[in-house]
Amino acid sequence: MKSSVLFAIVSIAACSSSPPQRDVAAEGRVTLARAGEAGVDTYRIPALAVTRAGTLLASYDARWDSSKDLPGNIDILLRRSLDNGRSWNAPQRIVHYGNGVGGGDSSLLVDRDTGRVFLFFTYAPRGVGLANAQAGNALDSITTMHPRYMWSDDDGLSWQGPRDLIADIKNPTWAGMFAGSGHGIQLSSDRIARGRLIQPYVFRGDNGLNAVNAYSDDHGATWRMGAPIGGGLDESKAVELADGTVMQNIRSSDARVHARLVARSQDGGIHFDAAQPDAQLPDPHDNGDIIRVAPDAMPDSAQAHWLLFSNNADAHERRKLTVRLSCDEGRTWNAGRLFVAGESMYSVLARLPDGSFGLFYEGEAGRLEFERFSLESLGQPCRD
């Protein structure tokens, strides 16, 4: 690996010394970006994480010229909040290439043992996107997409990298691949691999799109790729259950499937059983999220089995953004709370340091919104 370079943080909307900005559209809701702002055509692809010190980080694409995915002129911006998402510092440009070359689809992952924050993203050489990326895994390839990441050891104030993982995790027979946006996880159970870092990926193979996890057992010094979960799958999120099982909640890429798919791993997110649709969770082929309500709960406690899930609760259209609660690790889900009735797309969740929760999502009129909410607002509560 080449020696890392400390990246300067560049503010898009204002200098980094500007006071935190608030743009409150509703109780607990803050607009973090809106289409056309700062000369950017479209803002998309929310990612969210809480650092070990309690700083809330939100990253997203700044798609300068159009709303299209890579390839294109796309940067990744990041905003920080020190007060549980009530106010946010000015946006900082973390990933920038220019000249028609882009980096996008970010995912945040916090190592709770070291405090390091990883920001995974996809680098696309000029003219290369998922549809036309070629096989191969050479570091200098200009015909395929590259899985890269930045890292921060000071709660997102400064960033180092990037490091290119293409030779470490990309099978040379695969074509395009990209990190599933939103966030990764770190395992906490002693049963399999406590401290393991997991970042979901998508790759294009002979059987279409596949879901798969990259993982590290040495705090990010080395990374390996797990076994593909299967074809007909797309972006996914991993969640660790109370007994150490890793459950993957997956977007379908099969036009015949209009629900989320679920697969389970008994070896810490490396190998999975076959993904099965969950009829309780209709989905219009969109990226959603799943997290534990109480990640630090003792395994034998009731709260250890509580999960939150967010997506567009519609089988065909990207609308009806809903957050649901499960008291039994996803076997059943309540009706949840409707956050956006109309147009909405990707969403990502986080438990905040004060015990409330945050939802960062693509809302109406090209806005990226962050909204705080309580567990009680989701309807029928779980019993302790």
Protein backbone atom coordinates (compact mmCIF):
# COMPACT_ATOMS: atom_id res chain seq x y z
CA MET A 1 0.00 0.00 0.00
CA LYS A 2 1.31 3.45 -0.85
CA SER A 3 1.93 5.82 2.00
CA SER A 4 -1.23 7.58 3.09
CA VAL A 5 -1.79 11.27 2.54
CA LEU A 6 -3.67 13.45 4.97
CA PHE A 7 -6.55 14.96 2.99
CA ALA A 8 -7.38 18.60 3.60
CA ILE A 9 -11.03 19.18 4.46
CA VAL A 10 -12.69 21.52 1.97
CA SER A 11 -16.00 23.15 2.81
CA ILE A 12 -18.56 23.31 0.01
CA ALA A 13 -21.08 25.75 1.42
CA ALA A 14 -18.99 27.68 3.91
CA CYS A 15 -15.63 27.61 5.62
CA SER A 16 -15.20 24.88 8.24
CA SER A 17 -15.06 27.47 11.01
CA SER A 18 -18.65 28.50 10.33
CA PRO A 19 -21.12 27.80 13.14
CA PRO A 20 -23.34 24.72 12.86
CA GLN A 21 -26.24 25.27 10.48
CA ARG A 22 -29.88 24.49 11.18
CA ASP A 23 -32.65 24.25 8.62
CA VAL A 24 -35.61 22.84 10.50
CA ALA A 25 -38.58 21.87 8.31
CA ALA A 26 -40.51 20.06 11.05
CA GLU A 27 -40.10 19.01 14.65
CA GLY A 28 -36.83 17.11 14.81
CA ARG A 29 -36.16 17.37 11.06
CA VAL A 30 -33.14 19.09 9.52
CA THR A 31 -32.43 19.52 5.80
CA LEU A 32 -28.76 18.67 5.19
CA ALA A 33 -28.71 19.26 1.42
CA ARG A 34 -31.13 20.23 -1.35
CA ALA A 35 -30.90 19.94 -5.12
CA GLY A 36 -29.25 22.97 -6.76
CA GLU A 37 -27.54 24.12 -3.58
CA ALA A 38 -23.89 25.26 -4.03
CA GLY A 39 -24.17 24.59 -7.77
CA VAL A 40 -24.72 20.83 -7.31
CA ASP A 41 -27.37 19.30 -9.54
CA THR A 42 -28.33 16.46 -7.16
CA TYR A 43 -27.48 15.20 -3.69
CA ARG A 44 -28.02 11.49 -3.11
CA ILE A 45 -26.99 8.33 -1.23
CA PRO A 46 -27.12 8.96 2.54
CA ALA A 47 -24.73 7.27 4.97
CA LEU A 48 -24.81 7.63 8.75
CA ALA A 49 -22.74 6.60 11.78
CA VAL A 50 -21.99 7.56 15.38
CA THR A 51 -18.34 7.66 16.46
CA ARG A 52 -17.05 6.16 19.68
CA ALA A 53 -16.94 9.68 21.17
CA GLY A 54 -20.58 10.34 20.21
CA THR A 55 -20.13 12.51 17.11
CA LEU A 56 -22.79 11.93 14.47
CA LEU A 57 -21.44 11.70 10.91
CA ALA A 58 -23.53 11.95 7.73
CA SER A 59 -21.99 11.50 4.27
CA TYR A 60 -23.55 11.66 0.82
CA ASP A 61 -22.94 12.14 -2.92
CA ALA A 62 -22.66 15.60 -4.49
CA ARG A 63 -23.58 14.83 -8.11
CA TRP A 64 -22.48 18.01 -9.82
CA ASP A 65 -23.81 17.58 -13.35
CA SER A 66 -26.80 15.23 -13.15
CA SER A 67 -28.64 12.78 -10.94
CA LYS A 68 -27.02 9.79 -12.66
CA ASP A 69 -24.85 7.19 -10.93
CA LEU A 70 -21.16 6.72 -11.71
CA PRO A 71 -19.44 7.42 -14.03
CA GLY A 72 -19.58 11.16 -13.60
CA ASN A 73 -18.41 14.20 -11.71
CA ILE A 74 -19.34 13.03 -8.20
CA ASP A 75 -17.78 14.03 -4.88
CA ILE A 76 -18.53 12.77 -1.38
CA LEU A 77 -19.42 15.33 1.29
CA LEU A 78 -19.61 14.88 5.05
CA ARG A 79 -21.32 16.79 7.85
CA ARG A 80 -20.77 16.42 11.61
CA SER A 81 -23.12 16.94 14.52
CA LEU A 82 -22.11 17.20 18.17
CA ASP A 83 -25.65 17.46 19.57
CA ASN A 84 -27.49 14.34 18.37
CA GLY A 85 -28.38 15.81 14.99
CA ARG A 86 -30.00 19.04 16.15
CA SER A 87 -27.36 21.13 14.37
CA TRP A 88 -24.63 20.33 11.87
CA ASN A 89 -21.28 21.73 10.82
CA ALA A 90 -20.83 22.96 7.26
CA PRO A 91 -20.31 20.23 4.62
CA GLN A 92 -16.75 19.04 4.05
CA ARG A 93 -15.54 17.51 0.79
CA ILE A 94 -13.94 14.17 1.66
CA VAL A 95 -13.61 12.53 -1.77
CA HIS A 96 -12.81 14.56 -4.89
CA TYR A 97 -11.20 13.63 -8.21
CA GLY A 98 -12.53 16.05 -10.84
CA ASN A 99 -12.20 16.07 -14.63
CA GLY A 100 -15.14 13.72 -15.12
CA VAL A 101 -13.79 11.13 -12.72
CA GLY A 102 -15.83 10.41 -9.61
CA GLY A 103 -16.19 8.67 -6.29
CA GLY A 104 -19.58 7.84 -4.80
CA ASP A 105 -21.88 5.53 -2.85
CA SER A 106 -20.33 6.02 0.58
CA SER A 107 -20.73 3.80 3.61
CA LEU A 108 -19.49 4.59 7.12
CA LEU A 109 -18.14 2.04 9.59
CA VAL A 110 -16.88 2.75 13.12
CA ASP A 111 -14.41 0.50 14.91
CA ARG A 112 -15.54 0.78 18.54
CA ASP A 113 -12.28 -0.73 19.80
CA THR A 114 -9.89 1.73 18.12
CA GLY A 115 -12.20 4.67 17.41
CA ARG A 116 -11.19 4.69 13.72
CA VAL A 117 -13.92 5.66 11.24
CA PHE A 118 -13.89 4.11 7.76
CA LEU A 119 -15.61 5.73 4.78
CA PHE A 120 -15.96 3.19 1.97
CA PHE A 121 -16.74 4.40 -1.54
CA THR A 122 -16.40 3.43 -5.19
CA TYR A 123 -13.89 5.08 -7.50
CA ALA A 124 -14.88 5.03 -11.17
CA PRO A 125 -12.35 5.90 -13.88
CA ARG A 126 -13.59 8.12 -16.68
CA GLY A 127 -16.48 6.52 -18.56
CA VAL A 128 -16.64 3.41 -16.34
CA GLY A 129 -19.83 2.48 -14.47
CA LEU A 130 -21.51 -0.64 -13.17
CA ALA A 131 -23.01 -1.57 -16.55
CA ASN A 132 -19.76 -1.50 -18.54
CA ALA A 133 -17.06 -2.21 -15.94
CA GLN A 134 -14.79 -5.05 -16.96
CA ALA A 135 -13.29 -8.01 -15.12
CA GLY A 136 -9.90 -7.69 -13.45
CA ASN A 137 -8.45 -6.47 -10.17
CA ALA A 138 -5.27 -4.57 -11.04
CA LEU A 139 -4.57 -1.47 -8.98
CA ASP A 140 -3.91 0.56 -12.14
CA SER A 141 -6.97 -0.66 -14.06
CA ILE A 142 -8.95 2.05 -15.87
CA THR A 143 -11.62 -0.34 -17.14
CA THR A 144 -13.27 -1.41 -13.89
CA MET A 145 -14.62 0.12 -10.67
CA HIS A 146 -12.37 0.29 -7.60
CA PRO A 147 -13.44 -0.35 -3.99
CA ARG A 148 -11.65 2.28 -1.91
CA TYR A 149 -11.88 3.80 1.55
CA MET A 150 -10.76 6.80 3.56
CA TRP A 151 -10.23 6.74 7.32
CA SER A 152 -10.32 9.19 10.20
CA ASP A 153 -8.83 8.92 13.69
CA ASP A 154 -10.22 12.21 15.01
CA ASP A 155 -14.01 11.81 14.76
CA GLY A 156 -14.18 12.88 11.13
CA LEU A 157 -12.28 16.17 11.43
CA SER A 158 -9.55 15.01 9.05
CA TRP A 159 -9.24 12.05 6.70
CA GLN A 160 -6.42 9.94 5.32
CA GLY A 161 -6.21 7.78 2.21
CA PRO A 162 -7.55 6.62 -0.05
CA ARG A 163 -6.63 2.97 0.15
CA ASP A 164 -7.61 0.80 -2.82
CA LEU A 165 -8.89 -2.69 -1.94
CA ILE A 166 -9.35 -3.95 -5.49
CA ALA A 167 -6.53 -6.52 -5.31
CA ASP A 168 -7.58 -7.63 -1.80
CA ILE A 169 -11.31 -8.21 -2.16
CA LYS A 170 -12.29 -8.19 -5.86
CA ASN A 171 -12.36 -11.55 -7.58
CA PRO A 172 -10.71 -10.88 -10.96
CA THR A 173 -13.58 -12.64 -12.76
CA TRP A 174 -16.15 -10.19 -11.41
CA ALA A 175 -17.10 -7.12 -13.41
CA GLY A 176 -18.31 -3.94 -11.69
CA MET A 177 -18.57 -3.79 -7.89
CA PHE A 178 -19.46 -1.14 -5.33
CA ALA A 179 -19.94 -0.75 -1.58
CA GLY A 180 -23.52 -0.99 -0.36
CA SER A 181 -24.17 2.55 0.86
CA GLY A 182 -25.20 3.50 4.38
CA HIS A 183 -23.09 1.77 7.02
CA GLY A 184 -21.26 -1.41 7.91
CA ILE A 185 -21.20 -3.13 11.31
CA GLN A 186 -18.78 -4.46 13.91
CA LEU A 187 -19.55 -7.76 15.61
CA SER A 188 -19.77 -7.86 19.40
CA SER A 189 -20.56 -11.51 20.17
CA ASP A 190 -17.78 -13.71 21.55
CA ARG A 191 -19.32 -16.73 19.83
CA ILE A 192 -17.72 -16.17 16.42
CA ALA A 193 -15.41 -13.22 15.89
CA ARG A 194 -15.77 -10.35 18.30
CA GLY A 195 -14.53 -7.08 16.77
CA ARG A 196 -14.92 -8.24 13.15
CA LEU A 197 -15.66 -5.36 10.76
CA ILE A 198 -18.19 -6.07 8.01
CA GLN A 199 -18.91 -3.93 4.93
CA PRO A 200 -21.52 -5.13 2.40
CA TYR A 201 -20.73 -5.00 -1.33
CA VAL A 202 -22.51 -5.64 -4.63
CA PHE A 203 -20.81 -7.10 -7.69
CA ARG A 204 -21.89 -7.97 -11.22
CA GLY A 205 -21.24 -11.58 -12.13
CA ASP A 206 -22.42 -14.05 -14.77
CA ASN A 207 -25.72 -14.41 -12.89
CA GLY A 208 -26.38 -10.68 -12.56
CA LEU A 209 -25.96 -8.66 -9.39
CA ASN A 210 -24.76 -10.42 -6.23
CA ALA A 211 -24.57 -9.42 -2.57
CA VAL A 212 -21.41 -10.19 -0.58
CA ASN A 213 -19.53 -8.95 2.51
CA ALA A 214 -15.96 -7.76 2.91
CA TYR A 215 -14.59 -8.30 6.41
CA SER A 216 -11.57 -7.58 8.59
CA ASP A 217 -10.47 -9.31 11.79
CA ASP A 218 -7.53 -6.99 12.48
CA HIS A 219 -9.20 -3.57 12.71
CA GLY A 220 -8.85 -2.85 9.01
CA ALA A 221 -5.19 -3.76 8.48
CA THR A 222 -6.27 -6.50 6.05
CA TRP A 223 -9.57 -7.22 4.29
CA ARG A 224 -11.02 -10.37 2.78
CA MET A 225 -14.17 -11.12 0.83
CA GLY A 226 -16.78 -13.59 1.97
CA ALA A 227 -18.78 -15.97 -0.19
CA PRO A 228 -21.44 -14.44 -2.47
CA ILE A 229 -24.91 -14.69 -0.95
CA GLY A 230 -26.43 -15.24 -4.39
CA GLY A 231 -27.59 -13.71 -7.65
CA GLY A 232 -30.65 -11.54 -8.11
CA LEU A 233 -29.55 -9.46 -5.09
CA ASP A 234 -28.44 -5.85 -4.70
CA GLU A 235 -27.53 -3.46 -1.87
CA SER A 236 -27.86 -4.89 1.62
CA LYS A 237 -27.35 -4.25 5.31
CA ALA A 238 -26.00 -6.63 7.93
CA VAL A 239 -27.21 -6.82 11.53
CA GLU A 240 -25.90 -9.00 14.35
CA LEU A 241 -28.56 -10.86 16.33
CA ALA A 242 -28.41 -11.65 20.04
CA ASP A 243 -26.91 -15.13 19.53
CA GLY A 244 -24.20 -13.92 17.14
CA THR A 245 -26.05 -14.79 13.93
CA VAL A 246 -25.48 -12.22 11.18
CA MET A 247 -28.69 -11.45 9.31
CA GLN A 248 -28.47 -9.76 5.93
CA ASN A 249 -31.46 -7.69 4.77
CA ILE A 250 -31.22 -7.31 1.00
CA ARG A 251 -32.67 -5.35 -1.89
CA SER A 252 -33.75 -7.58 -4.76
CA SER A 253 -32.46 -7.02 -8.28
CA ASP A 254 -34.97 -9.55 -9.65
CA ALA A 255 -37.89 -7.75 -11.30
CA ARG A 256 -40.22 -10.53 -10.14
CA VAL A 257 -39.47 -9.99 -6.43
CA HIS A 258 -41.13 -7.02 -4.71
CA ALA A 259 -40.07 -7.61 -1.11
CA ARG A 260 -36.90 -7.52 0.97
CA LEU A 261 -34.85 -10.70 1.08
CA VAL A 262 -33.26 -12.13 4.21
CA ALA A 263 -30.27 -14.46 4.59
CA ARG A 264 -28.49 -15.68 7.73
CA SER A 265 -24.87 -16.50 8.53
CA GLN A 266 -23.58 -18.66 11.38
CA ASP A 267 -19.90 -17.88 10.80
CA GLY A 268 -19.82 -14.13 11.27
CA GLY A 269 -21.07 -12.89 7.91
CA ILE A 270 -18.87 -14.95 5.57
CA HIS A 271 -21.20 -17.74 4.37
CA PHE A 272 -24.99 -17.48 4.23
CA ASP A 273 -28.01 -19.68 3.72
CA ALA A 274 -30.20 -18.95 0.70
CA ALA A 275 -31.87 -15.54 0.71
CA GLN A 276 -35.64 -15.71 1.18
CA PRO A 277 -38.24 -12.98 0.58
CA ASP A 278 -39.98 -11.51 3.63
CA ALA A 279 -43.58 -10.81 2.61
CA GLN A 280 -43.97 -8.49 5.62
CA LEU A 281 -41.53 -6.05 4.02
CA PRO A 282 -42.67 -4.90 0.57
CA ASP A 283 -39.95 -3.06 -1.33
CA PRO A 284 -39.78 -1.28 -4.72
CA HIS A 285 -36.12 -2.29 -5.37
CA ASP A 286 -34.58 0.39 -3.16
CA ASN A 287 -31.91 0.64 -0.48
CA GLY A 288 -33.16 0.44 3.12
CA ASP A 289 -31.62 -0.21 6.52
CA ILE A 290 -31.78 -2.46 9.57
CA ILE A 291 -30.18 -1.88 13.00
CA ARG A 292 -30.41 -3.14 16.56
CA VAL A 293 -32.40 -0.95 18.93
CA ALA A 294 -30.00 -1.59 21.81
CA PRO A 295 -26.64 -2.80 20.42
CA ASP A 296 -25.07 -2.99 23.89
CA ALA A 297 -27.91 -4.97 25.50
CA MET A 298 -27.01 -8.22 27.24
CA PRO A 299 -27.75 -11.23 24.98
CA ASP A 300 -30.29 -12.66 27.45
CA SER A 301 -32.25 -9.41 27.75
CA ALA A 302 -35.47 -8.67 25.86
CA GLN A 303 -33.99 -5.56 24.25
CA ALA A 304 -31.24 -7.61 22.60
CA HIS A 305 -33.92 -8.93 20.21
CA TRP A 306 -35.36 -5.58 19.13
CA LEU A 307 -34.68 -4.33 15.59
CA LEU A 308 -35.53 -1.26 13.52
CA PHE A 309 -36.05 -1.37 9.76
CA SER A 310 -36.51 1.47 7.25
CA ASN A 311 -37.52 1.40 3.59
CA ASN A 312 -40.13 2.53 1.08
CA ALA A 313 -43.03 0.32 2.18
CA ASP A 314 -44.48 -0.06 -1.30
CA ALA A 315 -44.05 -2.98 -3.67
CA HIS A 316 -43.74 -0.87 -6.81
CA GLU A 317 -43.06 2.83 -6.17
CA ARG A 318 -40.40 4.73 -4.22
CA ARG A 319 -42.74 6.33 -1.73
CA LYS A 320 -44.15 5.70 1.78
CA LEU A 321 -40.87 5.87 3.68
CA THR A 322 -41.57 3.88 6.85
CA VAL A 323 -39.68 2.81 9.96
CA ARG A 324 -40.83 -0.44 11.58
CA LEU A 325 -40.07 -2.12 14.91
CA SER A 326 -39.54 -5.84 15.54
CA CYS A 327 -39.51 -7.30 19.05
CA ASP A 328 -38.36 -10.75 17.89
CA GLU A 329 -35.34 -10.21 15.61
CA GLY A 330 -37.32 -9.76 12.42
CA ARG A 331 -39.71 -12.69 12.69
CA THR A 332 -42.57 -10.19 12.89
CA TRP A 333 -42.73 -6.44 12.30
CA ASN A 334 -45.21 -3.81 13.43
CA ALA A 335 -46.92 -1.40 11.02
CA GLY A 336 -44.41 1.26 11.98
CA ARG A 337 -44.46 4.99 11.40
CA LEU A 338 -44.82 6.72 8.03
CA PHE A 339 -42.21 9.48 7.72
CA VAL A 340 -42.80 10.51 4.09
CA ALA A 341 -46.02 9.66 2.26
CA GLY A 342 -44.80 10.81 -1.15
CA GLU A 343 -41.59 10.48 -3.12
CA SER A 344 -38.67 9.14 -1.09
CA MET A 345 -35.76 6.81 -1.73
CA TYR A 346 -32.68 5.62 0.18
CA SER A 347 -32.65 5.73 3.99
CA VAL A 348 -30.24 4.88 6.80
CA LEU A 349 -30.70 4.62 10.59
CA ALA A 350 -28.59 5.18 13.70
CA ARG A 351 -29.08 5.01 17.46
CA LEU A 352 -28.00 8.37 18.85
CA PRO A 353 -25.93 8.93 22.00
CA ASP A 354 -28.92 10.33 23.92
CA GLY A 355 -30.96 7.15 23.32
CA SER A 356 -33.13 8.57 20.55
CA PHE A 357 -32.78 7.52 16.90
CA GLY A 358 -31.90 9.22 13.64
CA LEU A 359 -33.17 8.64 10.11
CA PHE A 360 -31.19 10.14 7.22
CA TYR A 361 -33.03 9.86 3.93
CA GLU A 362 -33.70 11.07 0.41
CA GLY A 363 -36.95 13.03 0.70
CA GLU A 364 -39.22 15.05 -1.51
CA ALA A 365 -38.06 17.84 -3.85
CA GLY A 366 -34.47 16.58 -3.99
CA ARG A 367 -33.75 17.08 -0.29
CA LEU A 368 -31.55 15.03 2.02
CA GLU A 369 -33.29 15.08 5.41
CA PHE A 370 -32.20 14.04 8.88
CA GLU A 371 -34.97 13.36 11.38
CA ARG A 372 -34.77 12.47 15.06
CA PHE A 373 -37.42 10.19 16.52
CA SER A 374 -38.19 8.14 19.61
CA LEU A 375 -38.93 4.45 19.85
CA GLU A 376 -42.34 5.31 21.30
CA SER A 377 -43.31 7.13 18.10
CA LEU A 378 -43.22 3.87 16.12
CA GLY A 379 -46.46 2.48 17.55
CA GLN A 380 -46.97 -0.67 19.61
CA PRO A 381 -43.92 -0.93 21.93
CA CYS A 382 -41.97 -4.03 22.82
CA ARG A 383 -42.14 -5.46 26.35
CA ASP A 384 -39.01 -5.49 28.48
